[in-house]
Amino acid sequence: MKTCIVRGTHTLGVLLAVAGLAPVAVAQDGGPRQHDPSGPSAAVAAERTSPIRIDGRLDDAAWQAAMPVGGFVQAEPVEGAPVDQPTEVRILFDKEAVYIGARMYDASPATIARQLVRRDEGGQYDYFEVSLDPDLDRRTGYRFRVTAA
């Protein structure tokens, strides 16, 4: 099985399939949000060798073969503090796309903030975000954000 290393910081944040991106991508956000001050952690992206369903379950064999990414920390209310709810992310790639699956547990799902806003507008909502820096320059890239709304 092929793998590629994805380096960067993790932002807390549903299932997101990102089509048309190079398989070697870097996930990062502007400022470090990691509990470990030694620097960005690395995630391993596995090659997708079997079909996946985009259904939010992450129970396909391909997802199970991908190494889970953990070690997430809070952005708010205390930036850098350990999370109180577990989050698990798995990354797959093939010749055509990068697939990012995330499972975010919540003991009180009724309290998940679900504000619907227009593109690029701010708001008060919970989200999952992935930033890709394919040029490895920390200046340009792509950002994808998914909310519960």
C-alpha atoms as a PDB file:
ATOM      1  CA  MET A   1       0.000   0.000   0.000  1.00  0.00           C
ATOM      2  CA  LYS A   2       1.320   3.453  -0.913  1.00  0.00           C
ATOM      3  CA  THR A   3       1.305   6.175   1.669  1.00  0.00           C
ATOM      4  CA  CYS A   4       2.245   9.812   1.717  1.00  0.00           C
ATOM      5  CA  ILE A   5       3.096  11.980   4.672  1.00  0.00           C
ATOM      6  CA  VAL A   6       0.893  14.985   5.337  1.00  0.00           C
ATOM      7  CA  ARG A   7       2.464  17.492   7.724  1.00  0.00           C
ATOM      8  CA  GLY A   8       0.805  20.378   9.488  1.00  0.00           C
ATOM      9  CA  THR A   9      -1.348  21.602  12.286  1.00  0.00           C
ATOM     10  CA  HIS A  10      -4.810  20.299  12.967  1.00  0.00           C
ATOM     11  CA  THR A  11      -7.920  22.383  13.365  1.00  0.00           C
ATOM     12  CA  LEU A  12     -10.880  20.879  15.190  1.00  0.00           C
ATOM     13  CA  GLY A  13     -13.501  20.656  13.137  1.00  0.00           C
ATOM     14  CA  VAL A  14     -18.096  15.411   9.001  1.00  0.00           C
ATOM     15  CA  LEU A  15     -16.862  13.900   6.027  1.00  0.00           C
ATOM     16  CA  LEU A  16     -15.145  15.904   3.325  1.00  0.00           C
ATOM     17  CA  ALA A  17     -14.030  14.603  -0.044  1.00  0.00           C
ATOM     18  CA  VAL A  18     -11.716  16.956  -1.843  1.00  0.00           C
ATOM     19  CA  ALA A  19     -11.595  16.134  -5.539  1.00  0.00           C
ATOM     20  CA  GLY A  20      -9.013  17.239  -8.053  1.00  0.00           C
ATOM     21  CA  LEU A  21      -6.146  17.874  -5.641  1.00  0.00           C
ATOM     22  CA  ALA A  22      -2.675  16.375  -5.818  1.00  0.00           C
ATOM     23  CA  PRO A  23      -2.168  13.366  -3.554  1.00  0.00           C
ATOM     24  CA  VAL A  24       0.780  14.953  -1.812  1.00  0.00           C
ATOM     25  CA  ALA A  25      -0.794  17.796   0.106  1.00  0.00           C
ATOM     26  CA  VAL A  26       0.025  19.577   3.295  1.00  0.00           C
ATOM     27  CA  ALA A  27      -2.695  20.272   5.840  1.00  0.00           C
ATOM     28  CA  GLN A  28      -1.950  23.342   7.867  1.00  0.00           C
ATOM     29  CA  ASP A  29      -3.522  26.375   9.418  1.00  0.00           C
ATOM     30  CA  GLY A  30      -1.961  29.757  10.038  1.00  0.00           C
ATOM     31  CA  GLY A  31      -0.959  29.401  13.676  1.00  0.00           C
ATOM     32  CA  PRO A  32       0.031  26.271  15.526  1.00  0.00           C
ATOM     33  CA  ARG A  33      -2.802  24.779  17.526  1.00  0.00           C
ATOM     34  CA  GLN A  34      -1.031  21.800  18.957  1.00  0.00           C
ATOM     35  CA  HIS A  35      -0.522  20.815  22.538  1.00  0.00           C
ATOM     36  CA  ASP A  36       2.980  19.560  21.745  1.00  0.00           C
ATOM     37  CA  PRO A  37       5.176  22.650  21.250  1.00  0.00           C
ATOM     38  CA  SER A  38       7.850  20.686  19.365  1.00  0.00           C
ATOM     39  CA  GLY A  39       6.193  21.502  16.035  1.00  0.00           C
ATOM     40  CA  PRO A  40       3.669  20.184  13.549  1.00  0.00           C
ATOM     41  CA  SER A  41       2.716  16.555  13.703  1.00  0.00           C
ATOM     42  CA  ALA A  42       2.547  14.327  10.650  1.00  0.00           C
ATOM     43  CA  ALA A  43      -0.442  12.425   9.303  1.00  0.00           C
ATOM     44  CA  VAL A  44      -0.118   9.466   6.970  1.00  0.00           C
ATOM     45  CA  ALA A  45      -2.399   9.397   3.935  1.00  0.00           C
ATOM     46  CA  ALA A  46      -3.054   5.913   2.563  1.00  0.00           C
ATOM     47  CA  GLU A  47      -3.735   5.068  -1.061  1.00  0.00           C
ATOM     48  CA  ARG A  48      -7.386   4.219  -1.665  1.00  0.00           C
ATOM     49  CA  THR A  49      -7.383   0.653  -2.975  1.00  0.00           C
ATOM     50  CA  SER A  50     -11.084  -0.137  -2.625  1.00  0.00           C
ATOM     51  CA  PRO A  51     -14.316   1.824  -3.131  1.00  0.00           C
ATOM     52  CA  ILE A  52     -15.627   4.199  -0.497  1.00  0.00           C
ATOM     53  CA  ARG A  53     -19.123   5.536   0.079  1.00  0.00           C
ATOM     54  CA  ILE A  54     -19.506   9.207   0.898  1.00  0.00           C
ATOM     55  CA  ASP A  55     -22.035   8.532   3.658  1.00  0.00           C
ATOM     56  CA  GLY A  56     -20.402   9.860   6.818  1.00  0.00           C
ATOM     57  CA  ARG A  57     -19.869   6.423   8.343  1.00  0.00           C
ATOM     58  CA  LEU A  58     -16.190   5.683   7.589  1.00  0.00           C
ATOM     59  CA  ASP A  59     -16.878   1.952   7.839  1.00  0.00           C
ATOM     60  CA  ASP A  60     -15.577   0.966   4.388  1.00  0.00           C
ATOM     61  CA  ALA A  61     -12.449  -1.203   4.271  1.00  0.00           C
ATOM     62  CA  ALA A  62     -10.455   1.647   2.697  1.00  0.00           C
ATOM     63  CA  TRP A  63     -11.177   3.962   5.630  1.00  0.00           C
ATOM     64  CA  GLN A  64     -10.253   1.263   8.120  1.00  0.00           C
ATOM     65  CA  ALA A  65      -6.883   0.796   6.377  1.00  0.00           C
ATOM     66  CA  ALA A  66      -6.016   4.485   6.812  1.00  0.00           C
ATOM     67  CA  MET A  67      -4.094   5.395   9.961  1.00  0.00           C
ATOM     68  CA  PRO A  68      -6.181   7.642  12.236  1.00  0.00           C
ATOM     69  CA  VAL A  69      -4.906  11.116  13.010  1.00  0.00           C
ATOM     70  CA  GLY A  70      -5.375  12.240  16.579  1.00  0.00           C
ATOM     71  CA  GLY A  71      -3.804  14.642  19.013  1.00  0.00           C
ATOM     72  CA  PHE A  72      -6.228  17.475  18.384  1.00  0.00           C
ATOM     73  CA  VAL A  73      -6.402  20.459  20.707  1.00  0.00           C
ATOM     74  CA  GLN A  74      -8.923  23.224  21.337  1.00  0.00           C
ATOM     75  CA  ALA A  75      -9.044  26.439  19.369  1.00  0.00           C
ATOM     76  CA  GLU A  76     -11.639  27.856  21.795  1.00  0.00           C
ATOM     77  CA  PRO A  77     -12.298  28.518  24.624  1.00  0.00           C
ATOM     78  CA  VAL A  78      -8.700  27.689  25.632  1.00  0.00           C
ATOM     79  CA  GLU A  79      -6.399  27.551  22.605  1.00  0.00           C
ATOM     80  CA  GLY A  80      -3.961  24.661  22.814  1.00  0.00           C
ATOM     81  CA  ALA A  81      -5.750  22.877  25.659  1.00  0.00           C
ATOM     82  CA  PRO A  82      -6.520  19.181  25.242  1.00  0.00           C
ATOM     83  CA  VAL A  83      -9.920  18.473  23.706  1.00  0.00           C
ATOM     84  CA  ASP A  84     -12.662  17.115  25.937  1.00  0.00           C
ATOM     85  CA  GLN A  85     -14.348  15.208  23.089  1.00  0.00           C
ATOM     86  CA  PRO A  86     -12.382  12.805  20.851  1.00  0.00           C
ATOM     87  CA  THR A  87     -11.846  13.579  17.159  1.00  0.00           C
ATOM     88  CA  GLU A  88     -10.457  11.121  14.615  1.00  0.00           C
ATOM     89  CA  VAL A  89      -9.428  11.929  11.041  1.00  0.00           C
ATOM     90  CA  ARG A  90      -8.393   9.525   8.270  1.00  0.00           C
ATOM     91  CA  ILE A  91      -6.866  10.522   4.932  1.00  0.00           C
ATOM     92  CA  LEU A  92      -6.963   8.605   1.649  1.00  0.00           C
ATOM     93  CA  PHE A  93      -5.772   9.491  -1.841  1.00  0.00           C
ATOM     94  CA  ASP A  94      -5.896   8.129  -5.365  1.00  0.00           C
ATOM     95  CA  LYS A  95      -4.828   9.462  -8.768  1.00  0.00           C
ATOM     96  CA  GLU A  96      -7.763  11.858  -8.865  1.00  0.00           C
ATOM     97  CA  ALA A  97      -8.497  13.048  -5.340  1.00  0.00           C
ATOM     98  CA  VAL A  98      -7.645  13.370  -1.670  1.00  0.00           C
ATOM     99  CA  TYR A  99     -10.354  12.076   0.682  1.00  0.00           C
ATOM    100  CA  ILE A 100     -10.556  13.275   4.265  1.00  0.00           C
ATOM    101  CA  GLY A 101     -12.914  11.564   6.663  1.00  0.00           C
ATOM    102  CA  ALA A 102     -13.460  12.912  10.155  1.00  0.00           C
ATOM    103  CA  ARG A 103     -15.404  11.548  13.083  1.00  0.00           C
ATOM    104  CA  MET A 104     -16.066  14.120  15.772  1.00  0.00           C
ATOM    105  CA  TYR A 105     -17.675  12.781  18.903  1.00  0.00           C
ATOM    106  CA  ASP A 106     -19.895  14.951  21.065  1.00  0.00           C
ATOM    107  CA  ALA A 107     -21.585  13.964  24.316  1.00  0.00           C
ATOM    108  CA  SER A 108     -24.201  16.698  23.732  1.00  0.00           C
ATOM    109  CA  PRO A 109     -24.926  16.811  19.985  1.00  0.00           C
ATOM    110  CA  ALA A 110     -27.887  19.142  20.567  1.00  0.00           C
ATOM    111  CA  THR A 111     -25.405  21.868  21.545  1.00  0.00           C
ATOM    112  CA  ILE A 112     -23.453  21.781  18.255  1.00  0.00           C
ATOM    113  CA  ALA A 113     -23.604  25.312  16.823  1.00  0.00           C
ATOM    114  CA  ARG A 114     -25.288  25.222  13.389  1.00  0.00           C
ATOM    115  CA  GLN A 115     -25.393  28.715  11.949  1.00  0.00           C
ATOM    116  CA  LEU A 116     -25.856  28.940   8.183  1.00  0.00           C
ATOM    117  CA  VAL A 117     -23.853  31.799   6.649  1.00  0.00           C
ATOM    118  CA  ARG A 118     -22.860  32.840   3.148  1.00  0.00           C
ATOM    119  CA  ARG A 119     -19.472  31.891   1.765  1.00  0.00           C
ATOM    120  CA  ASP A 120     -16.522  33.684   3.397  1.00  0.00           C
ATOM    121  CA  GLU A 121     -18.732  35.226   6.104  1.00  0.00           C
ATOM    122  CA  GLY A 122     -17.934  34.789   9.756  1.00  0.00           C
ATOM    123  CA  GLY A 123     -20.328  33.428  12.303  1.00  0.00           C
ATOM    124  CA  GLN A 124     -20.674  31.478  15.510  1.00  0.00           C
ATOM    125  CA  TYR A 125     -20.664  27.816  14.509  1.00  0.00           C
ATOM    126  CA  ASP A 126     -18.771  24.590  14.979  1.00  0.00           C
ATOM    127  CA  TYR A 127     -16.822  23.450  11.946  1.00  0.00           C
ATOM    128  CA  PHE A 128     -14.230  21.078  10.549  1.00  0.00           C
ATOM    129  CA  GLU A 129     -11.537  22.735   8.481  1.00  0.00           C
ATOM    130  CA  VAL A 130      -8.704  21.469   6.299  1.00  0.00           C
ATOM    131  CA  SER A 131      -6.053  23.743   4.841  1.00  0.00           C
ATOM    132  CA  LEU A 132      -3.802  22.452   2.062  1.00  0.00           C
ATOM    133  CA  ASP A 133      -0.447  23.980   1.130  1.00  0.00           C
ATOM    134  CA  PRO A 134       0.626  22.074  -2.017  1.00  0.00           C
ATOM    135  CA  ASP A 135       3.506  24.498  -2.701  1.00  0.00           C
ATOM    136  CA  LEU A 136       4.875  24.109   0.850  1.00  0.00           C
ATOM    137  CA  ASP A 137       5.318  27.881   1.097  1.00  0.00           C
ATOM    138  CA  ARG A 138       2.924  28.603   4.005  1.00  0.00           C
ATOM    139  CA  ARG A 139       1.590  31.545   1.975  1.00  0.00           C
ATOM    140  CA  THR A 140      -0.753  30.105  -0.636  1.00  0.00           C
ATOM    141  CA  GLY A 141      -3.096  27.172  -0.551  1.00  0.00           C
ATOM    142  CA  TYR A 142      -6.653  25.945  -0.276  1.00  0.00           C
ATOM    143  CA  ARG A 143      -8.984  25.971   2.711  1.00  0.00           C
ATOM    144  CA  PHE A 144     -12.090  23.806   3.027  1.00  0.00           C
ATOM    145  CA  ARG A 145     -14.563  24.245   5.869  1.00  0.00           C
ATOM    146  CA  VAL A 146     -17.651  22.161   6.606  1.00  0.00           C
ATOM    147  CA  THR A 147     -20.269  23.025   9.215  1.00  0.00           C
ATOM    148  CA  ALA A 148     -23.158  21.074  10.682  1.00  0.00           C
ATOM    149  CA  ALA A 149     -25.572  23.505   9.002  1.00  0.00           C
END
